[in-house]
Amino acid sequence: MFRPTLTIKVEYPKIELELQGEKSEVIDVQEWEENNDLSGTLLAGIDKLLTRNKIEVSHLAKIDVKTQQVRYTSSRISKAVAQTVNYCLGLDRE
């Protein structure tokens, strides 16, 4: 079964969601400028990207976060979402 990886890239003010195939090839990208509203737009962005590519969240291999902004709120929100989804899918128990 096809199991893509979703990477959340936080480079304020830009947020980029990158969907990658099993060989790390980029399948699709969703990006937008964040206006201190990531807690309200991140899940909608993920849903839009997955829906556009006809992928269920349960088919993801994992969600990663890449950021250089360790103390920034958007980084924390992104990490919390990634950790929660990975936990719910049983991906962090390996």
PDB file of N, CA and C in Angstrom:
ATOM      1  N   MET A   1       0.833  -1.183   0.000  1.00  0.00           N
ATOM      2  CA  MET A   1       0.000   0.000   0.000  1.00  0.00           C
ATOM      3  C   MET A   1       0.883   1.254   0.000  1.00  0.00           C
ATOM      4  N   PHE A   2       0.481   2.247  -0.753  1.00  0.00           N
ATOM      5  CA  PHE A   2       1.169   3.528  -0.863  1.00  0.00           C
ATOM      6  C   PHE A   2       1.058   4.286   0.460  1.00  0.00           C
ATOM      7  N   ARG A   3       2.200   4.662   1.063  1.00  0.00           N
ATOM      8  CA  ARG A   3       2.205   5.357   2.345  1.00  0.00           C
ATOM      9  C   ARG A   3       3.090   6.607   2.262  1.00  0.00           C
ATOM     10  N   PRO A   4       2.502   7.738   1.888  1.00  0.00           N
ATOM     11  CA  PRO A   4       3.277   8.974   1.765  1.00  0.00           C
ATOM     12  C   PRO A   4       3.610   9.583   3.133  1.00  0.00           C
ATOM     13  N   THR A   5       4.560  10.500   3.118  1.00  0.00           N
ATOM     14  CA  THR A   5       4.952  11.260   4.299  1.00  0.00           C
ATOM     15  C   THR A   5       4.524  12.701   4.099  1.00  0.00           C
ATOM     16  N   LEU A   6       4.037  13.319   5.168  1.00  0.00           N
ATOM     17  CA  LEU A   6       3.664  14.726   5.141  1.00  0.00           C
ATOM     18  C   LEU A   6       4.671  15.495   5.982  1.00  0.00           C
ATOM     19  N   THR A   7       5.257  16.536   5.407  1.00  0.00           N
ATOM     20  CA  THR A   7       6.205  17.376   6.140  1.00  0.00           C
ATOM     21  C   THR A   7       5.613  18.769   6.269  1.00  0.00           C
ATOM     22  N   ILE A   8       5.595  19.270   7.501  1.00  0.00           N
ATOM     23  CA  ILE A   8       5.151  20.634   7.779  1.00  0.00           C
ATOM     24  C   ILE A   8       6.408  21.482   7.924  1.00  0.00           C
ATOM     25  N   LYS A   9       6.563  22.463   7.044  1.00  0.00           N
ATOM     26  CA  LYS A   9       7.730  23.351   7.100  1.00  0.00           C
ATOM     27  C   LYS A   9       7.275  24.725   7.593  1.00  0.00           C
ATOM     28  N   VAL A  10       7.885  25.167   8.676  1.00  0.00           N
ATOM     29  CA  VAL A  10       7.541  26.457   9.270  1.00  0.00           C
ATOM     30  C   VAL A  10       8.705  27.398   9.058  1.00  0.00           C
ATOM     31  N   GLU A  11       8.508  28.368   8.191  1.00  0.00           N
ATOM     32  CA  GLU A  11       9.502  29.407   7.918  1.00  0.00           C
ATOM     33  C   GLU A  11       8.761  30.736   7.908  1.00  0.00           C
ATOM     34  N   TYR A  12       8.478  31.227   9.107  1.00  0.00           N
ATOM     35  CA  TYR A  12       7.628  32.397   9.262  1.00  0.00           C
ATOM     36  C   TYR A  12       7.986  33.487   8.268  1.00  0.00           C
ATOM     37  N   PRO A  13       7.014  34.043   7.578  1.00  0.00           N
ATOM     38  CA  PRO A  13       5.576  33.855   7.740  1.00  0.00           C
ATOM     39  C   PRO A  13       4.985  32.746   6.856  1.00  0.00           C
ATOM     40  N   LYS A  14       5.846  31.990   6.181  1.00  0.00           N
ATOM     41  CA  LYS A  14       5.347  30.980   5.250  1.00  0.00           C
ATOM     42  C   LYS A  14       5.211  29.622   5.933  1.00  0.00           C
ATOM     43  N   ILE A  15       4.085  28.976   5.668  1.00  0.00           N
ATOM     44  CA  ILE A  15       3.847  27.604   6.098  1.00  0.00           C
ATOM     45  C   ILE A  15       3.742  26.775   4.827  1.00  0.00           C
ATOM     46  N   GLU A  16       4.451  25.657   4.794  1.00  0.00           N
ATOM     47  CA  GLU A  16       4.426  24.795   3.619  1.00  0.00           C
ATOM     48  C   GLU A  16       4.169  23.354   4.050  1.00  0.00           C
ATOM     49  N   LEU A  17       3.200  22.744   3.409  1.00  0.00           N
ATOM     50  CA  LEU A  17       2.922  21.328   3.608  1.00  0.00           C
ATOM     51  C   LEU A  17       3.431  20.602   2.375  1.00  0.00           C
ATOM     52  N   GLU A  18       4.292  19.636   2.576  1.00  0.00           N
ATOM     53  CA  GLU A  18       4.880  18.911   1.457  1.00  0.00           C
ATOM     54  C   GLU A  18       4.543  17.434   1.585  1.00  0.00           C
ATOM     55  N   LEU A  19       3.887  16.906   0.576  1.00  0.00           N
ATOM     56  CA  LEU A  19       3.513  15.497   0.535  1.00  0.00           C
ATOM     57  C   LEU A  19       4.563  14.769  -0.295  1.00  0.00           C
ATOM     58  N   GLN A  20       5.195  13.751   0.308  1.00  0.00           N
ATOM     59  CA  GLN A  20       6.274  13.033  -0.360  1.00  0.00           C
ATOM     60  C   GLN A  20       5.921  11.561  -0.501  1.00  0.00           C
ATOM     61  N   GLY A  21       6.344  10.992  -1.619  1.00  0.00           N
ATOM     62  CA  GLY A  21       6.135   9.577  -1.863  1.00  0.00           C
ATOM     63  C   GLY A  21       7.114   8.734  -1.073  1.00  0.00           C
ATOM     64  N   GLU A  22       7.044   7.443  -1.268  1.00  0.00           N
ATOM     65  CA  GLU A  22       7.873   6.507  -0.510  1.00  0.00           C
ATOM     66  C   GLU A  22       9.354   6.646  -0.811  1.00  0.00           C
ATOM     67  N   LYS A  23       9.703   7.237  -1.952  1.00  0.00           N
ATOM     68  CA  LYS A  23      11.111   7.453  -2.316  1.00  0.00           C
ATOM     69  C   LYS A  23      11.505   8.917  -2.168  1.00  0.00           C
ATOM     70  N   SER A  24      10.790   9.625  -1.320  1.00  0.00           N
ATOM     71  CA  SER A  24      11.032  11.045  -1.005  1.00  0.00           C
ATOM     72  C   SER A  24      10.798  11.999  -2.163  1.00  0.00           C
ATOM     73  N   GLU A  25      10.120  11.542  -3.213  1.00  0.00           N
ATOM     74  CA  GLU A  25       9.785  12.461  -4.302  1.00  0.00           C
ATOM     75  C   GLU A  25       8.587  13.316  -3.870  1.00  0.00           C
ATOM     76  N   VAL A  26       8.616  14.582  -4.251  1.00  0.00           N
ATOM     77  CA  VAL A  26       7.541  15.505  -3.886  1.00  0.00           C
ATOM     78  C   VAL A  26       6.338  15.247  -4.780  1.00  0.00           C
ATOM     79  N   ILE A  27       5.207  14.970  -4.148  1.00  0.00           N
ATOM     80  CA  ILE A  27       3.966  14.701  -4.865  1.00  0.00           C
ATOM     81  C   ILE A  27       3.161  15.980  -5.037  1.00  0.00           C
ATOM     82  N   ASP A  28       3.058  16.755  -3.963  1.00  0.00           N
ATOM     83  CA  ASP A  28       2.261  17.981  -3.996  1.00  0.00           C
ATOM     84  C   ASP A  28       2.703  18.881  -2.851  1.00  0.00           C
ATOM     85  N   VAL A  29       2.436  20.179  -3.005  1.00  0.00           N
ATOM     86  CA  VAL A  29       2.789  21.174  -1.989  1.00  0.00           C
ATOM     87  C   VAL A  29       1.605  22.107  -1.787  1.00  0.00           C
ATOM     88  N   GLN A  30       1.360  22.437  -0.542  1.00  0.00           N
ATOM     89  CA  GLN A  30       0.330  23.418  -0.173  1.00  0.00           C
ATOM     90  C   GLN A  30       1.047  24.455   0.676  1.00  0.00           C
ATOM     91  N   GLU A  31       0.940  25.732   0.331  1.00  0.00           N
ATOM     92  CA  GLU A  31       1.598  26.753   1.140  1.00  0.00           C
ATOM     93  C   GLU A  31       0.743  27.995   1.260  1.00  0.00           C
ATOM     94  N   TRP A  32       0.976  28.712   2.344  1.00  0.00           N
ATOM     95  CA  TRP A  32       0.265  29.950   2.599  1.00  0.00           C
ATOM     96  C   TRP A  32       1.063  30.768   3.605  1.00  0.00           C
ATOM     97  N   GLU A  33       0.710  32.057   3.694  1.00  0.00           N
ATOM     98  CA  GLU A  33       1.328  32.917   4.691  1.00  0.00           C
ATOM     99  C   GLU A  33       0.505  32.858   5.956  1.00  0.00           C
ATOM    100  N   GLU A  34       1.193  32.661   7.046  1.00  0.00           N
ATOM    101  CA  GLU A  34       0.552  32.517   8.340  1.00  0.00           C
ATOM    102  C   GLU A  34       0.422  33.885   8.996  1.00  0.00           C
ATOM    103  N   ASN A  35      -0.764  34.175   9.504  1.00  0.00           N
ATOM    104  CA  ASN A  35      -1.038  35.464  10.139  1.00  0.00           C
ATOM    105  C   ASN A  35      -1.457  35.269  11.589  1.00  0.00           C
ATOM    106  N   ASN A  36      -0.632  34.556  12.340  1.00  0.00           N
ATOM    107  CA  ASN A  36      -0.932  34.241  13.738  1.00  0.00           C
ATOM    108  C   ASN A  36      -2.259  33.516  13.892  1.00  0.00           C
ATOM    109  N   ASP A  37      -2.587  32.673  12.906  1.00  0.00           N
ATOM    110  CA  ASP A  37      -3.829  31.902  12.960  1.00  0.00           C
ATOM    111  C   ASP A  37      -3.606  30.435  12.596  1.00  0.00           C
ATOM    112  N   LEU A  38      -2.384  29.945  12.810  1.00  0.00           N
ATOM    113  CA  LEU A  38      -2.048  28.584  12.400  1.00  0.00           C
ATOM    114  C   LEU A  38      -2.900  27.541  13.110  1.00  0.00           C
ATOM    115  N   SER A  39      -3.275  27.814  14.358  1.00  0.00           N
ATOM    116  CA  SER A  39      -4.104  26.848  15.080  1.00  0.00           C
ATOM    117  C   SER A  39      -5.452  26.651  14.394  1.00  0.00           C
ATOM    118  N   GLY A  40      -5.879  27.609  13.609  1.00  0.00           N
ATOM    119  CA  GLY A  40      -7.148  27.498  12.893  1.00  0.00           C
ATOM    120  C   GLY A  40      -7.009  27.105  11.438  1.00  0.00           C
ATOM    121  N   THR A  41      -5.792  27.176  10.886  1.00  0.00           N
ATOM    122  CA  THR A  41      -5.625  26.902   9.457  1.00  0.00           C
ATOM    123  C   THR A  41      -4.827  25.641   9.138  1.00  0.00           C
ATOM    124  N   LEU A  42      -4.050  25.137  10.092  1.00  0.00           N
ATOM    125  CA  LEU A  42      -3.175  24.003   9.805  1.00  0.00           C
ATOM    126  C   LEU A  42      -3.953  22.739   9.459  1.00  0.00           C
ATOM    127  N   LEU A  43      -4.916  22.371  10.275  1.00  0.00           N
ATOM    128  CA  LEU A  43      -5.686  21.154   9.993  1.00  0.00           C
ATOM    129  C   LEU A  43      -6.475  21.277   8.696  1.00  0.00           C
ATOM    130  N   ALA A  44      -7.010  22.464   8.433  1.00  0.00           N
ATOM    131  CA  ALA A  44      -7.732  22.681   7.175  1.00  0.00           C
ATOM    132  C   ALA A  44      -6.782  22.558   5.981  1.00  0.00           C
ATOM    133  N   GLY A  45      -5.569  23.057   6.123  1.00  0.00           N
ATOM    134  CA  GLY A  45      -4.572  22.939   5.054  1.00  0.00           C
ATOM    135  C   GLY A  45      -4.175  21.496   4.799  1.00  0.00           C
ATOM    136  N   ILE A  46      -3.985  20.746   5.878  1.00  0.00           N
ATOM    137  CA  ILE A  46      -3.646  19.322   5.735  1.00  0.00           C
ATOM    138  C   ILE A  46      -4.789  18.588   5.049  1.00  0.00           C
ATOM    139  N   ASP A  47      -6.008  18.854   5.483  1.00  0.00           N
ATOM    140  CA  ASP A  47      -7.178  18.195   4.883  1.00  0.00           C
ATOM    141  C   ASP A  47      -7.298  18.525   3.401  1.00  0.00           C
ATOM    142  N   LYS A  48      -7.079  19.779   3.045  1.00  0.00           N
ATOM    143  CA  LYS A  48      -7.171  20.199   1.645  1.00  0.00           C
ATOM    144  C   LYS A  48      -6.131  19.478   0.782  1.00  0.00           C
ATOM    145  N   LEU A  49      -4.898  19.393   1.283  1.00  0.00           N
ATOM    146  CA  LEU A  49      -3.818  18.725   0.551  1.00  0.00           C
ATOM    147  C   LEU A  49      -4.108  17.241   0.376  1.00  0.00           C
ATOM    148  N   LEU A  50      -4.516  16.583   1.435  1.00  0.00           N
ATOM    149  CA  LEU A  50      -4.802  15.149   1.354  1.00  0.00           C
ATOM    150  C   LEU A  50      -6.009  14.868   0.473  1.00  0.00           C
ATOM    151  N   THR A  51      -7.050  15.674   0.583  1.00  0.00           N
ATOM    152  CA  THR A  51      -8.249  15.494  -0.239  1.00  0.00           C
ATOM    153  C   THR A  51      -7.924  15.676  -1.721  1.00  0.00           C
ATOM    154  N   ARG A  52      -7.140  16.695  -2.032  1.00  0.00           N
ATOM    155  CA  ARG A  52      -6.764  16.965  -3.422  1.00  0.00           C
ATOM    156  C   ARG A  52      -6.009  15.778  -4.031  1.00  0.00           C
ATOM    157  N   ASN A  53      -5.278  15.039  -3.199  1.00  0.00           N
ATOM    158  CA  ASN A  53      -4.493  13.904  -3.673  1.00  0.00           C
ATOM    159  C   ASN A  53      -5.159  12.558  -3.385  1.00  0.00           C
ATOM    160  N   LYS A  54      -6.401  12.617  -2.911  1.00  0.00           N
ATOM    161  CA  LYS A  54      -7.190  11.403  -2.630  1.00  0.00           C
ATOM    162  C   LYS A  54      -6.455  10.457  -1.680  1.00  0.00           C
ATOM    163  N   ILE A  55      -5.942  11.028  -0.593  1.00  0.00           N
ATOM    164  CA  ILE A  55      -5.216  10.260   0.417  1.00  0.00           C
ATOM    165  C   ILE A  55      -5.917  10.434   1.757  1.00  0.00           C
ATOM    166  N   GLU A  56      -6.142   9.330   2.439  1.00  0.00           N
ATOM    167  CA  GLU A  56      -6.711   9.353   3.783  1.00  0.00           C
ATOM    168  C   GLU A  56      -5.577   9.595   4.779  1.00  0.00           C
ATOM    169  N   VAL A  57      -5.859  10.306   5.857  1.00  0.00           N
ATOM    170  CA  VAL A  57      -4.832  10.558   6.869  1.00  0.00           C
ATOM    171  C   VAL A  57      -4.311   9.239   7.441  1.00  0.00           C
ATOM    172  N   SER A  58      -5.144   8.225   7.492  1.00  0.00           N
ATOM    173  CA  SER A  58      -4.725   6.925   8.029  1.00  0.00           C
ATOM    174  C   SER A  58      -3.715   6.212   7.125  1.00  0.00           C
ATOM    175  N   HIS A  59      -3.538   6.692   5.891  1.00  0.00           N
ATOM    176  CA  HIS A  59      -2.579   6.082   4.969  1.00  0.00           C
ATOM    177  C   HIS A  59      -1.192   6.724   5.031  1.00  0.00           C
ATOM    178  N   LEU A  60      -1.047   7.769   5.855  1.00  0.00           N
ATOM    179  CA  LEU A  60       0.254   8.431   5.969  1.00  0.00           C
ATOM    180  C   LEU A  60       1.257   7.539   6.685  1.00  0.00           C
ATOM    181  N   ALA A  61       2.501   7.581   6.231  1.00  0.00           N
ATOM    182  CA  ALA A  61       3.581   6.861   6.911  1.00  0.00           C
ATOM    183  C   ALA A  61       3.972   7.606   8.184  1.00  0.00           C
ATOM    184  N   LYS A  62       3.947   8.945   8.117  1.00  0.00           N
ATOM    185  CA  LYS A  62       4.229   9.788   9.277  1.00  0.00           C
ATOM    186  C   LYS A  62       4.072  11.246   8.893  1.00  0.00           C
ATOM    187  N   ILE A  63       4.065  12.097   9.910  1.00  0.00           N
ATOM    188  CA  ILE A  63       4.093  13.544   9.711  1.00  0.00           C
ATOM    189  C   ILE A  63       5.348  14.066  10.388  1.00  0.00           C
ATOM    190  N   ASP A  64       6.148  14.819   9.644  1.00  0.00           N
ATOM    191  CA  ASP A  64       7.363  15.433  10.173  1.00  0.00           C
ATOM    192  C   ASP A  64       7.190  16.940  10.222  1.00  0.00           C
ATOM    193  N   VAL A  65       7.996  17.587  11.051  1.00  0.00           N
ATOM    194  CA  VAL A  65       8.028  19.049  11.116  1.00  0.00           C
ATOM    195  C   VAL A  65       9.464  19.495  10.920  1.00  0.00           C
ATOM    196  N   LYS A  66       9.649  20.474  10.044  1.00  0.00           N
ATOM    197  CA  LYS A  66      10.969  21.070   9.837  1.00  0.00           C
ATOM    198  C   LYS A  66      10.847  22.563  10.120  1.00  0.00           C
ATOM    199  N   THR A  67      11.645  23.025  11.060  1.00  0.00           N
ATOM    200  CA  THR A  67      11.622  24.431  11.422  1.00  0.00           C
ATOM    201  C   THR A  67      12.938  24.812  12.076  1.00  0.00           C
ATOM    202  N   GLN A  68      13.302  26.050  11.949  1.00  0.00           N
ATOM    203  CA  GLN A  68      14.469  26.588  12.632  1.00  0.00           C
ATOM    204  C   GLN A  68      14.049  27.462  13.807  1.00  0.00           C
ATOM    205  N   GLN A  69      12.751  27.669  13.943  1.00  0.00           N
ATOM    206  CA  GLN A  69      12.223  28.587  14.942  1.00  0.00           C
ATOM    207  C   GLN A  69      11.746  27.807  16.169  1.00  0.00           C
ATOM    208  N   VAL A  70      12.668  27.418  17.017  1.00  0.00           N
ATOM    209  CA  VAL A  70      12.374  26.547  18.146  1.00  0.00           C
ATOM    210  C   VAL A  70      11.381  27.175  19.122  1.00  0.00           C
ATOM    211  N   ARG A  71      11.468  28.444  19.369  1.00  0.00           N
ATOM    212  CA  ARG A  71      10.616  29.075  20.381  1.00  0.00           C
ATOM    213  C   ARG A  71       9.362  29.724  19.811  1.00  0.00           C
ATOM    214  N   TYR A  72       9.170  29.652  18.567  1.00  0.00           N
ATOM    215  CA  TYR A  72       8.027  30.330  17.945  1.00  0.00           C
ATOM    216  C   TYR A  72       6.758  29.501  18.082  1.00  0.00           C
ATOM    217  N   THR A  73       5.638  30.142  18.340  1.00  0.00           N
ATOM    218  CA  THR A  73       4.366  29.461  18.580  1.00  0.00           C
ATOM    219  C   THR A  73       3.948  28.585  17.407  1.00  0.00           C
ATOM    220  N   SER A  74       4.157  29.029  16.177  1.00  0.00           N
ATOM    221  CA  SER A  74       3.782  28.227  15.012  1.00  0.00           C
ATOM    222  C   SER A  74       4.535  26.900  14.988  1.00  0.00           C
ATOM    223  N   SER A  75       5.782  26.917  15.403  1.00  0.00           N
ATOM    224  CA  SER A  75       6.558  25.679  15.469  1.00  0.00           C
ATOM    225  C   SER A  75       5.961  24.729  16.496  1.00  0.00           C
ATOM    226  N   ARG A  76       5.570  25.266  17.624  1.00  0.00           N
ATOM    227  CA  ARG A  76       4.974  24.436  18.676  1.00  0.00           C
ATOM    228  C   ARG A  76       3.644  23.845  18.232  1.00  0.00           C
ATOM    229  N   ILE A  77       2.828  24.657  17.575  1.00  0.00           N
ATOM    230  CA  ILE A  77       1.538  24.171  17.086  1.00  0.00           C
ATOM    231  C   ILE A  77       1.762  23.058  16.068  1.00  0.00           C
ATOM    232  N   SER A  78       2.680  23.265  15.143  1.00  0.00           N
ATOM    233  CA  SER A  78       2.977  22.260  14.114  1.00  0.00           C
ATOM    234  C   SER A  78       3.470  20.959  14.731  1.00  0.00           C
ATOM    235  N   LYS A  79       4.358  21.061  15.705  1.00  0.00           N
ATOM    236  CA  LYS A  79       4.883  19.872  16.369  1.00  0.00           C
ATOM    237  C   LYS A  79       3.788  19.141  17.141  1.00  0.00           C
ATOM    238  N   ALA A  80       2.903  19.880  17.784  1.00  0.00           N
ATOM    239  CA  ALA A  80       1.811  19.254  18.535  1.00  0.00           C
ATOM    240  C   ALA A  80       0.866  18.502  17.605  1.00  0.00           C
ATOM    241  N   VAL A  81       0.548  19.099  16.465  1.00  0.00           N
ATOM    242  CA  VAL A  81      -0.332  18.431  15.496  1.00  0.00           C
ATOM    243  C   VAL A  81       0.344  17.171  14.954  1.00  0.00           C
ATOM    244  N   ALA A  82       1.607  17.277  14.582  1.00  0.00           N
ATOM    245  CA  ALA A  82       2.334  16.121  14.043  1.00  0.00           C
ATOM    246  C   ALA A  82       2.417  15.003  15.074  1.00  0.00           C
ATOM    247  N   GLN A  83       2.769  15.331  16.300  1.00  0.00           N
ATOM    248  CA  GLN A  83       2.880  14.316  17.349  1.00  0.00           C
ATOM    249  C   GLN A  83       1.534  13.662  17.641  1.00  0.00           C
ATOM    250  N   THR A  84       0.476  14.442  17.638  1.00  0.00           N
ATOM    251  CA  THR A  84      -0.858  13.902  17.912  1.00  0.00           C
ATOM    252  C   THR A  84      -1.302  12.942  16.814  1.00  0.00           C
ATOM    253  N   VAL A  85      -1.149  13.342  15.563  1.00  0.00           N
ATOM    254  CA  VAL A  85      -1.546  12.466  14.453  1.00  0.00           C
ATOM    255  C   VAL A  85      -0.689  11.204  14.447  1.00  0.00           C
ATOM    256  N   ASN A  86       0.613  11.363  14.615  1.00  0.00           N
ATOM    257  CA  ASN A  86       1.492  10.193  14.648  1.00  0.00           C
ATOM    258  C   ASN A  86       1.109   9.247  15.786  1.00  0.00           C
ATOM    259  N   TYR A  87       0.786   9.796  16.939  1.00  0.00           N
ATOM    260  CA  TYR A  87       0.378   8.974  18.076  1.00  0.00           C
ATOM    261  C   TYR A  87      -0.937   8.247  17.786  1.00  0.00           C
ATOM    262  N   CYS A  88      -1.909   8.978  17.252  1.00  0.00           N
ATOM    263  CA  CYS A  88      -3.216   8.377  16.956  1.00  0.00           C
ATOM    264  C   CYS A  88      -3.123   7.270  15.905  1.00  0.00           C
ATOM    265  N   LEU A  89      -2.178   7.401  14.993  1.00  0.00           N
ATOM    266  CA  LEU A  89      -1.987   6.377  13.967  1.00  0.00           C
ATOM    267  C   LEU A  89      -1.039   5.262  14.430  1.00  0.00           C
ATOM    268  N   GLY A  90      -0.532   5.381  15.657  1.00  0.00           N
ATOM    269  CA  GLY A  90       0.365   4.374  16.195  1.00  0.00           C
ATOM    270  C   GLY A  90       1.747   4.414  15.594  1.00  0.00           C
ATOM    271  N   LEU A  91       2.139   5.574  15.056  1.00  0.00           N
ATOM    272  CA  LEU A  91       3.420   5.686  14.358  1.00  0.00           C
ATOM    273  C   LEU A  91       4.579   5.997  15.278  1.00  0.00           C
ATOM    274  N   ASP A  92       4.306   6.513  16.468  1.00  0.00           N
ATOM    275  CA  ASP A  92       5.397   6.859  17.374  1.00  0.00           C
ATOM    276  C   ASP A  92       5.767   5.718  18.307  1.00  0.00           C
ATOM    277  N   ARG A  93       5.162   4.597  18.124  1.00  0.00           N
ATOM    278  CA  ARG A  93       5.399   3.459  19.015  1.00  0.00           C
ATOM    279  C   ARG A  93       6.402   2.480  18.449  1.00  0.00           C
ATOM    280  N   GLU A  94       7.009   2.818  17.318  1.00  0.00           N
ATOM    281  CA  GLU A  94       7.956   1.912  16.664  1.00  0.00           C
ATOM    282  C   GLU A  94       9.300   1.952  17.324  1.00  0.00           C
TER     283      GLU A  94
END
